[in-house]
Amino acid sequence: MRVLKTKEFWRFARQEGVTDAALLEAARRAERGLVDADLGGGLIKQRVPRRGQGRSGGYRMLMAYRVGTLVVFLYAFAKSERDNIEADELAHWRREARAWSTMDDARMKTMIATREIIEVGTYG
């Protein structure tokens, strides 16, 4: 499975101190079927802990998810800053997830090479 993050997501993670190890763990949980919320259209929500805390008060991560092959971290927010996303935002992120799920490998490789997306890692 290939695990990626968008440039915008990378900025959030860096600012908040969210490690790649924490992102990989969220991806592994999803692959084991431990998805916090299936939002439809290939979009899932996973909770990721803040350092030294549990997942319940941590961050909410929206991820494009294609079983067995791809996870792309798209958007995140702290639970303390907002409860959830609005319906129009959800529609936007579903469209984004669908686009990632149908993207071909050549386009993905180009985006990695130009640092539009960043590879967190692969496993499995």
PDB file of N, CA and C in Angstrom:
ATOM      1  N   MET A   1       0.848  -1.173   0.000  1.00  0.00           N
ATOM      2  CA  MET A   1       0.000   0.000   0.000  1.00  0.00           C
ATOM      3  C   MET A   1       0.892   1.234   0.000  1.00  0.00           C
ATOM      4  N   ARG A   2       0.512   2.195  -0.815  1.00  0.00           N
ATOM      5  CA  ARG A   2       1.229   3.467  -0.909  1.00  0.00           C
ATOM      6  C   ARG A   2       0.493   4.485  -0.039  1.00  0.00           C
ATOM      7  N   VAL A   3       1.251   5.211   0.785  1.00  0.00           N
ATOM      8  CA  VAL A   3       0.671   6.211   1.687  1.00  0.00           C
ATOM      9  C   VAL A   3       1.279   7.566   1.335  1.00  0.00           C
ATOM     10  N   LEU A   4       0.408   8.518   0.995  1.00  0.00           N
ATOM     11  CA  LEU A   4       0.829   9.847   0.551  1.00  0.00           C
ATOM     12  C   LEU A   4       0.142  10.930   1.375  1.00  0.00           C
ATOM     13  N   LYS A   5       0.690  12.134   1.303  1.00  0.00           N
ATOM     14  CA  LYS A   5       0.031  13.298   1.905  1.00  0.00           C
ATOM     15  C   LYS A   5       0.175  14.469   0.944  1.00  0.00           C
ATOM     16  N   THR A   6      -0.868  15.286   0.893  1.00  0.00           N
ATOM     17  CA  THR A   6      -0.807  16.468   0.043  1.00  0.00           C
ATOM     18  C   THR A   6       0.126  17.495   0.670  1.00  0.00           C
ATOM     19  N   LYS A   7       0.557  18.434  -0.129  1.00  0.00           N
ATOM     20  CA  LYS A   7       1.441  19.489   0.365  1.00  0.00           C
ATOM     21  C   LYS A   7       0.764  20.285   1.483  1.00  0.00           C
ATOM     22  N   GLU A   8      -0.523  20.580   1.306  1.00  0.00           N
ATOM     23  CA  GLU A   8      -1.267  21.328   2.324  1.00  0.00           C
ATOM     24  C   GLU A   8      -1.364  20.523   3.617  1.00  0.00           C
ATOM     25  N   PHE A   9      -1.624  19.235   3.468  1.00  0.00           N
ATOM     26  CA  PHE A   9      -1.696  18.380   4.647  1.00  0.00           C
ATOM     27  C   PHE A   9      -0.337  18.322   5.339  1.00  0.00           C
ATOM     28  N   TRP A  10       0.729  18.212   4.559  1.00  0.00           N
ATOM     29  CA  TRP A  10       2.083  18.156   5.104  1.00  0.00           C
ATOM     30  C   TRP A  10       2.361  19.384   5.974  1.00  0.00           C
ATOM     31  N   ARG A  11       1.931  20.548   5.499  1.00  0.00           N
ATOM     32  CA  ARG A  11       2.136  21.781   6.281  1.00  0.00           C
ATOM     33  C   ARG A  11       1.416  21.696   7.625  1.00  0.00           C
ATOM     34  N   PHE A  12       0.171  21.234   7.614  1.00  0.00           N
ATOM     35  CA  PHE A  12      -0.594  21.083   8.854  1.00  0.00           C
ATOM     36  C   PHE A  12       0.125  20.112   9.796  1.00  0.00           C
ATOM     37  N   ALA A  13       0.503  18.957   9.284  1.00  0.00           N
ATOM     38  CA  ALA A  13       1.142  17.932  10.109  1.00  0.00           C
ATOM     39  C   ALA A  13       2.449  18.450  10.712  1.00  0.00           C
ATOM     40  N   ARG A  14       3.225  19.142   9.914  1.00  0.00           N
ATOM     41  CA  ARG A  14       4.493  19.688  10.411  1.00  0.00           C
ATOM     42  C   ARG A  14       4.243  20.697  11.521  1.00  0.00           C
ATOM     43  N   GLN A  15       3.292  21.596  11.316  1.00  0.00           N
ATOM     44  CA  GLN A  15       2.971  22.632  12.305  1.00  0.00           C
ATOM     45  C   GLN A  15       2.453  22.016  13.607  1.00  0.00           C
ATOM     46  N   GLU A  16       1.661  20.966  13.495  1.00  0.00           N
ATOM     47  CA  GLU A  16       1.045  20.348  14.671  1.00  0.00           C
ATOM     48  C   GLU A  16       1.892  19.237  15.287  1.00  0.00           C
ATOM     49  N   GLY A  17       2.987  18.878  14.635  1.00  0.00           N
ATOM     50  CA  GLY A  17       3.851  17.833  15.172  1.00  0.00           C
ATOM     51  C   GLY A  17       3.317  16.426  14.979  1.00  0.00           C
ATOM     52  N   VAL A  18       2.501  16.227  13.946  1.00  0.00           N
ATOM     53  CA  VAL A  18       1.979  14.899  13.634  1.00  0.00           C
ATOM     54  C   VAL A  18       3.047  14.163  12.826  1.00  0.00           C
ATOM     55  N   THR A  19       3.487  13.038  13.335  1.00  0.00           N
ATOM     56  CA  THR A  19       4.586  12.313  12.704  1.00  0.00           C
ATOM     57  C   THR A  19       4.102  11.397  11.583  1.00  0.00           C
ATOM     58  N   ASP A  20       5.036  11.057  10.698  1.00  0.00           N
ATOM     59  CA  ASP A  20       4.727  10.083   9.656  1.00  0.00           C
ATOM     60  C   ASP A  20       4.381   8.733  10.272  1.00  0.00           C
ATOM     61  N   ALA A  21       5.012   8.403  11.391  1.00  0.00           N
ATOM     62  CA  ALA A  21       4.698   7.138  12.069  1.00  0.00           C
ATOM     63  C   ALA A  21       3.229   7.105  12.498  1.00  0.00           C
ATOM     64  N   ALA A  22       2.712   8.218  12.990  1.00  0.00           N
ATOM     65  CA  ALA A  22       1.302   8.284  13.387  1.00  0.00           C
ATOM     66  C   ALA A  22       0.393   8.148  12.165  1.00  0.00           C
ATOM     67  N   LEU A  23       0.792   8.735  11.042  1.00  0.00           N
ATOM     68  CA  LEU A  23       0.004   8.622   9.812  1.00  0.00           C
ATOM     69  C   LEU A  23       0.004   7.187   9.297  1.00  0.00           C
ATOM     70  N   LEU A  24       1.166   6.549   9.317  1.00  0.00           N
ATOM     71  CA  LEU A  24       1.237   5.159   8.878  1.00  0.00           C
ATOM     72  C   LEU A  24       0.385   4.259   9.759  1.00  0.00           C
ATOM     73  N   GLU A  25       0.362   4.530  11.047  1.00  0.00           N
ATOM     74  CA  GLU A  25      -0.475   3.739  11.954  1.00  0.00           C
ATOM     75  C   GLU A  25      -1.952   3.924  11.621  1.00  0.00           C
ATOM     76  N   ALA A  26      -2.370   5.142  11.305  1.00  0.00           N
ATOM     77  CA  ALA A  26      -3.766   5.387  10.909  1.00  0.00           C
ATOM     78  C   ALA A  26      -4.094   4.628   9.634  1.00  0.00           C
ATOM     79  N   ALA A  27      -3.165   4.595   8.682  1.00  0.00           N
ATOM     80  CA  ALA A  27      -3.370   3.851   7.442  1.00  0.00           C
ATOM     81  C   ALA A  27      -3.453   2.352   7.716  1.00  0.00           C
ATOM     82  N   ARG A  28      -2.599   1.851   8.583  1.00  0.00           N
ATOM     83  CA  ARG A  28      -2.630   0.420   8.935  1.00  0.00           C
ATOM     84  C   ARG A  28      -3.940   0.050   9.617  1.00  0.00           C
ATOM     85  N   ARG A  29      -4.435   0.915  10.498  1.00  0.00           N
ATOM     86  CA  ARG A  29      -5.724   0.643  11.149  1.00  0.00           C
ATOM     87  C   ARG A  29      -6.834   0.548  10.109  1.00  0.00           C
ATOM     88  N   ALA A  30      -6.821   1.456   9.143  1.00  0.00           N
ATOM     89  CA  ALA A  30      -7.835   1.417   8.092  1.00  0.00           C
ATOM     90  C   ALA A  30      -7.740   0.114   7.311  1.00  0.00           C
ATOM     91  N   GLU A  31      -6.548  -0.308   7.007  1.00  0.00           N
ATOM     92  CA  GLU A  31      -6.358  -1.532   6.231  1.00  0.00           C
ATOM     93  C   GLU A  31      -6.826  -2.760   7.008  1.00  0.00           C
ATOM     94  N   ARG A  32      -6.767  -2.703   8.319  1.00  0.00           N
ATOM     95  CA  ARG A  32      -7.276  -3.799   9.152  1.00  0.00           C
ATOM     96  C   ARG A  32      -8.788  -3.707   9.351  1.00  0.00           C
ATOM     97  N   GLY A  33      -9.416  -2.714   8.726  1.00  0.00           N
ATOM     98  CA  GLY A  33     -10.865  -2.558   8.844  1.00  0.00           C
ATOM     99  C   GLY A  33     -11.293  -1.693  10.007  1.00  0.00           C
ATOM    100  N   LEU A  34     -10.350  -1.068  10.679  1.00  0.00           N
ATOM    101  CA  LEU A  34     -10.644  -0.213  11.835  1.00  0.00           C
ATOM    102  C   LEU A  34     -10.753   1.241  11.382  1.00  0.00           C
ATOM    103  N   VAL A  35     -11.820   1.528  10.657  1.00  0.00           N
ATOM    104  CA  VAL A  35     -12.073   2.858  10.114  1.00  0.00           C
ATOM    105  C   VAL A  35     -12.989   3.598  11.078  1.00  0.00           C
ATOM    106  N   ASP A  36     -12.605   4.794  11.484  1.00  0.00           N
ATOM    107  CA  ASP A  36     -13.429   5.566  12.418  1.00  0.00           C
ATOM    108  C   ASP A  36     -14.728   6.017  11.773  1.00  0.00           C
ATOM    109  N   ALA A  37     -14.686   6.403  10.492  1.00  0.00           N
ATOM    110  CA  ALA A  37     -15.913   6.768   9.776  1.00  0.00           C
ATOM    111  C   ALA A  37     -15.690   6.615   8.282  1.00  0.00           C
ATOM    112  N   ASP A  38     -16.607   5.895   7.629  1.00  0.00           N
ATOM    113  CA  ASP A  38     -16.598   5.799   6.175  1.00  0.00           C
ATOM    114  C   ASP A  38     -17.545   6.881   5.676  1.00  0.00           C
ATOM    115  N   LEU A  39     -16.992   7.896   5.029  1.00  0.00           N
ATOM    116  CA  LEU A  39     -17.772   9.053   4.592  1.00  0.00           C
ATOM    117  C   LEU A  39     -18.280   8.929   3.164  1.00  0.00           C
ATOM    118  N   GLY A  40     -18.038   7.786   2.537  1.00  0.00           N
ATOM    119  CA  GLY A  40     -18.533   7.534   1.188  1.00  0.00           C
ATOM    120  C   GLY A  40     -17.611   8.061   0.110  1.00  0.00           C
ATOM    121  N   GLY A  41     -17.703   7.493  -1.066  1.00  0.00           N
ATOM    122  CA  GLY A  41     -16.927   7.966  -2.206  1.00  0.00           C
ATOM    123  C   GLY A  41     -15.435   7.769  -2.073  1.00  0.00           C
ATOM    124  N   GLY A  42     -15.006   6.772  -1.271  1.00  0.00           N
ATOM    125  CA  GLY A  42     -13.579   6.537  -1.081  1.00  0.00           C
ATOM    126  C   GLY A  42     -12.946   7.460  -0.055  1.00  0.00           C
ATOM    127  N   LEU A  43     -13.767   8.154   0.733  1.00  0.00           N
ATOM    128  CA  LEU A  43     -13.285   9.079   1.761  1.00  0.00           C
ATOM    129  C   LEU A  43     -13.546   8.472   3.128  1.00  0.00           C
ATOM    130  N   ILE A  44     -12.508   8.426   3.958  1.00  0.00           N
ATOM    131  CA  ILE A  44     -12.672   7.961   5.327  1.00  0.00           C
ATOM    132  C   ILE A  44     -12.126   8.995   6.294  1.00  0.00           C
ATOM    133  N   LYS A  45     -12.540   8.863   7.554  1.00  0.00           N
ATOM    134  CA  LYS A  45     -12.022   9.728   8.614  1.00  0.00           C
ATOM    135  C   LYS A  45     -11.372   8.825   9.652  1.00  0.00           C
ATOM    136  N   GLN A  46     -10.150   9.169  10.018  1.00  0.00           N
ATOM    137  CA  GLN A  46      -9.424   8.463  11.058  1.00  0.00           C
ATOM    138  C   GLN A  46      -8.995   9.453  12.128  1.00  0.00           C
ATOM    139  N   ARG A  47      -9.006   8.974  13.360  1.00  0.00           N
ATOM    140  CA  ARG A  47      -8.501   9.789  14.460  1.00  0.00           C
ATOM    141  C   ARG A  47      -7.025   9.478  14.678  1.00  0.00           C
ATOM    142  N   VAL A  48      -6.252  10.523  14.913  1.00  0.00           N
ATOM    143  CA  VAL A  48      -4.820  10.395  15.180  1.00  0.00           C
ATOM    144  C   VAL A  48      -4.544  11.156  16.471  1.00  0.00           C
ATOM    145  N   PRO A  49      -3.803  10.540  17.400  1.00  0.00           N
ATOM    146  CA  PRO A  49      -3.589  11.200  18.693  1.00  0.00           C
ATOM    147  C   PRO A  49      -2.634  12.384  18.614  1.00  0.00           C
ATOM    148  N   ARG A  50      -2.844  13.309  19.541  1.00  0.00           N
ATOM    149  CA  ARG A  50      -1.825  14.330  19.792  1.00  0.00           C
ATOM    150  C   ARG A  50      -0.721  13.657  20.580  1.00  0.00           C
ATOM    151  N   ARG A  51       0.450  14.213  20.536  1.00  0.00           N
ATOM    152  CA  ARG A  51       1.555  13.644  21.314  1.00  0.00           C
ATOM    153  C   ARG A  51       1.181  13.580  22.787  1.00  0.00           C
ATOM    154  N   GLY A  52       1.374  12.395  23.368  1.00  0.00           N
ATOM    155  CA  GLY A  52       1.126  12.214  24.786  1.00  0.00           C
ATOM    156  C   GLY A  52      -0.349  12.122  25.163  1.00  0.00           C
ATOM    157  N   GLN A  53      -1.239  12.064  24.186  1.00  0.00           N
ATOM    158  CA  GLN A  53      -2.672  11.978  24.447  1.00  0.00           C
ATOM    159  C   GLN A  53      -3.273  10.849  23.619  1.00  0.00           C
ATOM    160  N   GLY A  54      -4.534  10.597  23.842  1.00  0.00           N
ATOM    161  CA  GLY A  54      -5.232   9.569  23.086  1.00  0.00           C
ATOM    162  C   GLY A  54      -5.825  10.104  21.802  1.00  0.00           C
ATOM    163  N   ARG A  55      -6.419   9.200  21.031  1.00  0.00           N
ATOM    164  CA  ARG A  55      -7.002   9.587  19.751  1.00  0.00           C
ATOM    165  C   ARG A  55      -8.278  10.403  19.902  1.00  0.00           C
ATOM    166  N   SER A  56      -9.049  10.180  20.987  1.00  0.00           N
ATOM    167  CA  SER A  56     -10.368  10.827  21.087  1.00  0.00           C
ATOM    168  C   SER A  56     -10.278  12.349  21.124  1.00  0.00           C
ATOM    169  N   GLY A  57      -9.248  12.913  21.697  1.00  0.00           N
ATOM    170  CA  GLY A  57      -9.106  14.365  21.755  1.00  0.00           C
ATOM    171  C   GLY A  57      -8.098  14.910  20.763  1.00  0.00           C
ATOM    172  N   GLY A  58      -7.641  14.069  19.865  1.00  0.00           N
ATOM    173  CA  GLY A  58      -6.579  14.459  18.950  1.00  0.00           C
ATOM    174  C   GLY A  58      -7.073  15.094  17.670  1.00  0.00           C
ATOM    175  N   TYR A  59      -6.577  14.582  16.565  1.00  0.00           N
ATOM    176  CA  TYR A  59      -6.860  15.143  15.251  1.00  0.00           C
ATOM    177  C   TYR A  59      -7.788  14.227  14.469  1.00  0.00           C
ATOM    178  N   ARG A  60      -8.552  14.836  13.582  1.00  0.00           N
ATOM    179  CA  ARG A  60      -9.390  14.102  12.647  1.00  0.00           C
ATOM    180  C   ARG A  60      -8.750  14.247  11.272  1.00  0.00           C
ATOM    181  N   MET A  61      -8.502  13.120  10.630  1.00  0.00           N
ATOM    182  CA  MET A  61      -7.834  13.102   9.333  1.00  0.00           C
ATOM    183  C   MET A  61      -8.807  12.604   8.275  1.00  0.00           C
ATOM    184  N   LEU A  62      -8.968  13.355   7.203  1.00  0.00           N
ATOM    185  CA  LEU A  62      -9.745  12.899   6.057  1.00  0.00           C
ATOM    186  C   LEU A  62      -8.768  12.317   5.048  1.00  0.00           C
ATOM    187  N   MET A  63      -9.078  11.108   4.608  1.00  0.00           N
ATOM    188  CA  MET A  63      -8.161  10.364   3.753  1.00  0.00           C
ATOM    189  C   MET A  63      -8.887   9.760   2.570  1.00  0.00           C
ATOM    190  N   ALA A  64      -8.288   9.881   1.389  1.00  0.00           N
ATOM    191  CA  ALA A  64      -8.740   9.097   0.242  1.00  0.00           C
ATOM    192  C   ALA A  64      -8.219   7.693   0.487  1.00  0.00           C
ATOM    193  N   TYR A  65      -9.086   6.707   0.340  1.00  0.00           N
ATOM    194  CA  TYR A  65      -8.695   5.345   0.685  1.00  0.00           C
ATOM    195  C   TYR A  65      -9.161   4.368  -0.382  1.00  0.00           C
ATOM    196  N   ARG A  66      -8.216   3.644  -0.932  1.00  0.00           N
ATOM    197  CA  ARG A  66      -8.488   2.572  -1.884  1.00  0.00           C
ATOM    198  C   ARG A  66      -7.902   1.304  -1.275  1.00  0.00           C
ATOM    199  N   VAL A  67      -8.765   0.386  -0.896  1.00  0.00           N
ATOM    200  CA  VAL A  67      -8.380  -0.815  -0.156  1.00  0.00           C
ATOM    201  C   VAL A  67      -7.179  -1.503  -0.793  1.00  0.00           C
ATOM    202  N   GLY A  68      -6.168  -1.739   0.041  1.00  0.00           N
ATOM    203  CA  GLY A  68      -5.006  -2.507  -0.383  1.00  0.00           C
ATOM    204  C   GLY A  68      -4.001  -1.802  -1.259  1.00  0.00           C
ATOM    205  N   THR A  69      -4.314  -0.580  -1.713  1.00  0.00           N
ATOM    206  CA  THR A  69      -3.385   0.064  -2.650  1.00  0.00           C
ATOM    207  C   THR A  69      -2.993   1.492  -2.306  1.00  0.00           C
ATOM    208  N   LEU A  70      -3.914   2.295  -1.748  1.00  0.00           N
ATOM    209  CA  LEU A  70      -3.624   3.722  -1.635  1.00  0.00           C
ATOM    210  C   LEU A  70      -4.317   4.386  -0.454  1.00  0.00           C
ATOM    211  N   VAL A  71      -3.554   5.227   0.228  1.00  0.00           N
ATOM    212  CA  VAL A  71      -4.087   6.160   1.225  1.00  0.00           C
ATOM    213  C   VAL A  71      -3.468   7.519   0.918  1.00  0.00           C
ATOM    214  N   VAL A  72      -4.313   8.548   0.824  1.00  0.00           N
ATOM    215  CA  VAL A  72      -3.823   9.912   0.644  1.00  0.00           C
ATOM    216  C   VAL A  72      -4.444  10.766   1.741  1.00  0.00           C
ATOM    217  N   PHE A  73      -3.599  11.331   2.598  1.00  0.00           N
ATOM    218  CA  PHE A  73      -4.063  12.237   3.644  1.00  0.00           C
ATOM    219  C   PHE A  73      -4.352  13.584   2.994  1.00  0.00           C
ATOM    220  N   LEU A  74      -5.616  14.017   3.107  1.00  0.00           N
ATOM    221  CA  LEU A  74      -6.074  15.211   2.406  1.00  0.00           C
ATOM    222  C   LEU A  74      -6.250  16.424   3.305  1.00  0.00           C
ATOM    223  N   TYR A  75      -6.836  16.210   4.475  1.00  0.00           N
ATOM    224  CA  TYR A  75      -7.242  17.331   5.329  1.00  0.00           C
ATOM    225  C   TYR A  75      -7.263  16.864   6.766  1.00  0.00           C
ATOM    226  N   ALA A  76      -6.984  17.774   7.677  1.00  0.00           N
ATOM    227  CA  ALA A  76      -7.012  17.435   9.101  1.00  0.00           C
ATOM    228  C   ALA A  76      -7.456  18.635   9.915  1.00  0.00           C
ATOM    229  N   PHE A  77      -8.023  18.327  11.059  1.00  0.00           N
ATOM    230  CA  PHE A  77      -8.390  19.380  12.007  1.00  0.00           C
ATOM    231  C   PHE A  77      -8.331  18.818  13.413  1.00  0.00           C
ATOM    232  N   ALA A  78      -8.093  19.705  14.355  1.00  0.00           N
ATOM    233  CA  ALA A  78      -8.062  19.304  15.758  1.00  0.00           C
ATOM    234  C   ALA A  78      -9.487  19.226  16.280  1.00  0.00           C
ATOM    235  N   LYS A  79      -9.774  18.188  17.030  1.00  0.00           N
ATOM    236  CA  LYS A  79     -11.102  18.019  17.618  1.00  0.00           C
ATOM    237  C   LYS A  79     -11.464  19.216  18.484  1.00  0.00           C
ATOM    238  N   SER A  80     -10.481  19.811  19.121  1.00  0.00           N
ATOM    239  CA  SER A  80     -10.732  20.957  20.001  1.00  0.00           C
ATOM    240  C   SER A  80     -11.121  22.214  19.219  1.00  0.00           C
ATOM    241  N   GLU A  81     -10.820  22.254  17.910  1.00  0.00           N
ATOM    242  CA  GLU A  81     -11.105  23.439  17.100  1.00  0.00           C
ATOM    243  C   GLU A  81     -12.456  23.385  16.396  1.00  0.00           C
ATOM    244  N   ARG A  82     -12.905  22.184  16.078  1.00  0.00           N
ATOM    245  CA  ARG A  82     -14.212  22.042  15.427  1.00  0.00           C
ATOM    246  C   ARG A  82     -14.705  20.618  15.615  1.00  0.00           C
ATOM    247  N   ASP A  83     -16.036  20.475  15.641  1.00  0.00           N
ATOM    248  CA  ASP A  83     -16.612  19.156  15.849  1.00  0.00           C
ATOM    249  C   ASP A  83     -16.555  18.296  14.600  1.00  0.00           C
ATOM    250  N   ASN A  84     -16.882  18.888  13.472  1.00  0.00           N
ATOM    251  CA  ASN A  84     -16.926  18.120  12.236  1.00  0.00           C
ATOM    252  C   ASN A  84     -16.890  19.067  11.050  1.00  0.00           C
ATOM    253  N   ILE A  85     -17.002  18.515   9.852  1.00  0.00           N
ATOM    254  CA  ILE A  85     -17.022  19.342   8.652  1.00  0.00           C
ATOM    255  C   ILE A  85     -18.458  19.516   8.175  1.00  0.00           C
ATOM    256  N   GLU A  86     -18.694  20.580   7.463  1.00  0.00           N
ATOM    257  CA  GLU A  86     -20.029  20.894   6.947  1.00  0.00           C
ATOM    258  C   GLU A  86     -20.326  20.053   5.702  1.00  0.00           C
ATOM    259  N   ALA A  87     -21.593  20.003   5.322  1.00  0.00           N
ATOM    260  CA  ALA A  87     -22.030  19.184   4.188  1.00  0.00           C
ATOM    261  C   ALA A  87     -21.346  19.587   2.885  1.00  0.00           C
ATOM    262  N   ASP A  88     -21.167  20.898   2.647  1.00  0.00           N
ATOM    263  CA  ASP A  88     -20.521  21.322   1.400  1.00  0.00           C
ATOM    264  C   ASP A  88     -19.042  20.927   1.389  1.00  0.00           C
ATOM    265  N   GLU A  89     -18.392  20.981   2.550  1.00  0.00           N
ATOM    266  CA  GLU A  89     -17.000  20.536   2.639  1.00  0.00           C
ATOM    267  C   GLU A  89     -16.904  19.038   2.386  1.00  0.00           C
ATOM    268  N   LEU A  90     -17.840  18.292   2.945  1.00  0.00           N
ATOM    269  CA  LEU A  90     -17.861  16.844   2.754  1.00  0.00           C
ATOM    270  C   LEU A  90     -17.972  16.509   1.267  1.00  0.00           C
ATOM    271  N   ALA A  91     -18.840  17.201   0.552  1.00  0.00           N
ATOM    272  CA  ALA A  91     -18.992  16.973  -0.893  1.00  0.00           C
ATOM    273  C   ALA A  91     -17.677  17.257  -1.617  1.00  0.00           C
ATOM    274  N   HIS A  92     -17.010  18.333  -1.231  1.00  0.00           N
ATOM    275  CA  HIS A  92     -15.714  18.676  -1.836  1.00  0.00           C
ATOM    276  C   HIS A  92     -14.698  17.562  -1.605  1.00  0.00           C
ATOM    277  N   TRP A  93     -14.569  17.087  -0.362  1.00  0.00           N
ATOM    278  CA  TRP A  93     -13.566  16.077  -0.046  1.00  0.00           C
ATOM    279  C   TRP A  93     -13.896  14.728  -0.677  1.00  0.00           C
ATOM    280  N   ARG A  94     -15.178  14.428  -0.864  1.00  0.00           N
ATOM    281  CA  ARG A  94     -15.553  13.203  -1.590  1.00  0.00           C
ATOM    282  C   ARG A  94     -15.084  13.280  -3.045  1.00  0.00           C
ATOM    283  N   ARG A  95     -15.253  14.453  -3.663  1.00  0.00           N
ATOM    284  CA  ARG A  95     -14.769  14.625  -5.044  1.00  0.00           C
ATOM    285  C   ARG A  95     -13.257  14.450  -5.108  1.00  0.00           C
ATOM    286  N   GLU A  96     -12.558  15.021  -4.139  1.00  0.00           N
ATOM    287  CA  GLU A  96     -11.097  14.875  -4.080  1.00  0.00           C
ATOM    288  C   GLU A  96     -10.702  13.401  -3.938  1.00  0.00           C
ATOM    289  N   ALA A  97     -11.383  12.698  -3.050  1.00  0.00           N
ATOM    290  CA  ALA A  97     -11.075  11.281  -2.825  1.00  0.00           C
ATOM    291  C   ALA A  97     -11.301  10.470  -4.099  1.00  0.00           C
ATOM    292  N   ARG A  98     -12.393  10.754  -4.802  1.00  0.00           N
ATOM    293  CA  ARG A  98     -12.668  10.043  -6.061  1.00  0.00           C
ATOM    294  C   ARG A  98     -11.561  10.314  -7.084  1.00  0.00           C
ATOM    295  N   ALA A  99     -11.115  11.544  -7.160  1.00  0.00           N
ATOM    296  CA  ALA A  99     -10.048  11.891  -8.103  1.00  0.00           C
ATOM    297  C   ALA A  99      -8.765  11.120  -7.779  1.00  0.00           C
ATOM    298  N   TRP A 100      -8.420  11.025  -6.512  1.00  0.00           N
ATOM    299  CA  TRP A 100      -7.228  10.280  -6.118  1.00  0.00           C
ATOM    300  C   TRP A 100      -7.386   8.796  -6.406  1.00  0.00           C
ATOM    301  N   SER A 101      -8.569   8.280  -6.182  1.00  0.00           N
ATOM    302  CA  SER A 101      -8.808   6.848  -6.375  1.00  0.00           C
ATOM    303  C   SER A 101      -8.718   6.436  -7.837  1.00  0.00           C
ATOM    304  N   THR A 102      -8.939   7.369  -8.735  1.00  0.00           N
ATOM    305  CA  THR A 102      -8.907   7.035 -10.159  1.00  0.00           C
ATOM    306  C   THR A 102      -7.640   7.521 -10.864  1.00  0.00           C
ATOM    307  N   MET A 103      -6.754   8.169 -10.126  1.00  0.00           N
ATOM    308  CA  MET A 103      -5.535   8.704 -10.740  1.00  0.00           C
ATOM    309  C   MET A 103      -4.598   7.574 -11.168  1.00  0.00           C
ATOM    310  N   ASP A 104      -3.992   7.724 -12.341  1.00  0.00           N
ATOM    311  CA  ASP A 104      -3.071   6.693 -12.813  1.00  0.00           C
ATOM    312  C   ASP A 104      -1.691   6.873 -12.179  1.00  0.00           C
ATOM    313  N   ASP A 105      -0.907   5.807 -12.216  1.00  0.00           N
ATOM    314  CA  ASP A 105       0.414   5.800 -11.584  1.00  0.00           C
ATOM    315  C   ASP A 105       1.362   6.838 -12.172  1.00  0.00           C
ATOM    316  N   ALA A 106       1.287   7.058 -13.475  1.00  0.00           N
ATOM    317  CA  ALA A 106       2.184   8.026 -14.107  1.00  0.00           C
ATOM    318  C   ALA A 106       1.950   9.424 -13.553  1.00  0.00           C
ATOM    319  N   ARG A 107       0.698   9.815 -13.428  1.00  0.00           N
ATOM    320  CA  ARG A 107       0.370  11.146 -12.881  1.00  0.00           C
ATOM    321  C   ARG A 107       0.841  11.245 -11.434  1.00  0.00           C
ATOM    322  N   MET A 108       0.624  10.177 -10.658  1.00  0.00           N
ATOM    323  CA  MET A 108       1.037  10.172  -9.263  1.00  0.00           C
ATOM    324  C   MET A 108       2.558  10.319  -9.132  1.00  0.00           C
ATOM    325  N   LYS A 109       3.292   9.606  -9.981  1.00  0.00           N
ATOM    326  CA  LYS A 109       4.757   9.700  -9.961  1.00  0.00           C
ATOM    327  C   LYS A 109       5.217  11.111 -10.295  1.00  0.00           C
ATOM    328  N   THR A 110       4.557  11.749 -11.249  1.00  0.00           N
ATOM    329  CA  THR A 110       4.894  13.131 -11.600  1.00  0.00           C
ATOM    330  C   THR A 110       4.641  14.059 -10.419  1.00  0.00           C
ATOM    331  N   MET A 111       3.521  13.879  -9.750  1.00  0.00           N
ATOM    332  CA  MET A 111       3.191  14.726  -8.600  1.00  0.00           C
ATOM    333  C   MET A 111       4.182  14.526  -7.447  1.00  0.00           C
ATOM    334  N   ILE A 112       4.648  13.305  -7.262  1.00  0.00           N
ATOM    335  CA  ILE A 112       5.659  13.043  -6.233  1.00  0.00           C
ATOM    336  C   ILE A 112       6.976  13.718  -6.624  1.00  0.00           C
ATOM    337  N   ALA A 113       7.347  13.595  -7.883  1.00  0.00           N
ATOM    338  CA  ALA A 113       8.603  14.192  -8.361  1.00  0.00           C
ATOM    339  C   ALA A 113       8.604  15.707  -8.221  1.00  0.00           C
ATOM    340  N   THR A 114       7.452  16.340  -8.408  1.00  0.00           N
ATOM    341  CA  THR A 114       7.362  17.796  -8.305  1.00  0.00           C
ATOM    342  C   THR A 114       6.975  18.267  -6.900  1.00  0.00           C
ATOM    343  N   ARG A 115       6.891  17.325  -5.980  1.00  0.00           N
ATOM    344  CA  ARG A 115       6.582  17.596  -4.560  1.00  0.00           C
ATOM    345  C   ARG A 115       5.181  18.185  -4.358  1.00  0.00           C
ATOM    346  N   GLU A 116       4.267  17.924  -5.302  1.00  0.00           N
ATOM    347  CA  GLU A 116       2.872  18.305  -5.090  1.00  0.00           C
ATOM    348  C   GLU A 116       2.233  17.398  -4.035  1.00  0.00           C
ATOM    349  N   ILE A 117       2.731  16.169  -3.994  1.00  0.00           N
ATOM    350  CA  ILE A 117       2.359  15.228  -2.932  1.00  0.00           C
ATOM    351  C   ILE A 117       3.645  14.625  -2.396  1.00  0.00           C
ATOM    352  N   ILE A 118       3.586  14.151  -1.172  1.00  0.00           N
ATOM    353  CA  ILE A 118       4.749  13.625  -0.505  1.00  0.00           C
ATOM    354  C   ILE A 118       4.461  12.204  -0.067  1.00  0.00           C
ATOM    355  N   GLU A 119       5.388  11.318  -0.361  1.00  0.00           N
ATOM    356  CA  GLU A 119       5.212   9.928   0.031  1.00  0.00           C
ATOM    357  C   GLU A 119       5.586   9.755   1.499  1.00  0.00           C
ATOM    358  N   VAL A 120       4.649   9.229   2.276  1.00  0.00           N
ATOM    359  CA  VAL A 120       4.883   8.943   3.686  1.00  0.00           C
ATOM    360  C   VAL A 120       5.610   7.607   3.786  1.00  0.00           C
ATOM    361  N   GLY A 121       5.162   6.645   2.981  1.00  0.00           N
ATOM    362  CA  GLY A 121       5.785   5.339   2.986  1.00  0.00           C
ATOM    363  C   GLY A 121       4.938   4.338   2.244  1.00  0.00           C
ATOM    364  N   THR A 122       5.423   3.107   2.231  1.00  0.00           N
ATOM    365  CA  THR A 122       4.670   2.001   1.661  1.00  0.00           C
ATOM    366  C   THR A 122       4.787   0.832   2.619  1.00  0.00           C
ATOM    367  N   TYR A 123       3.862  -0.069   2.544  1.00  0.00           N
ATOM    368  CA  TYR A 123       3.925  -1.291   3.328  1.00  0.00           C
ATOM    369  C   TYR A 123       2.989  -2.321   2.719  1.00  0.00           C
ATOM    370  N   GLY A 124       3.118  -3.532   3.207  1.00  0.00           N
ATOM    371  CA  GLY A 124       2.215  -4.601   2.781  1.00  0.00           C
ATOM    372  C   GLY A 124       2.604  -5.261   1.507  1.00  0.00           C
TER     373      GLY A 124
END
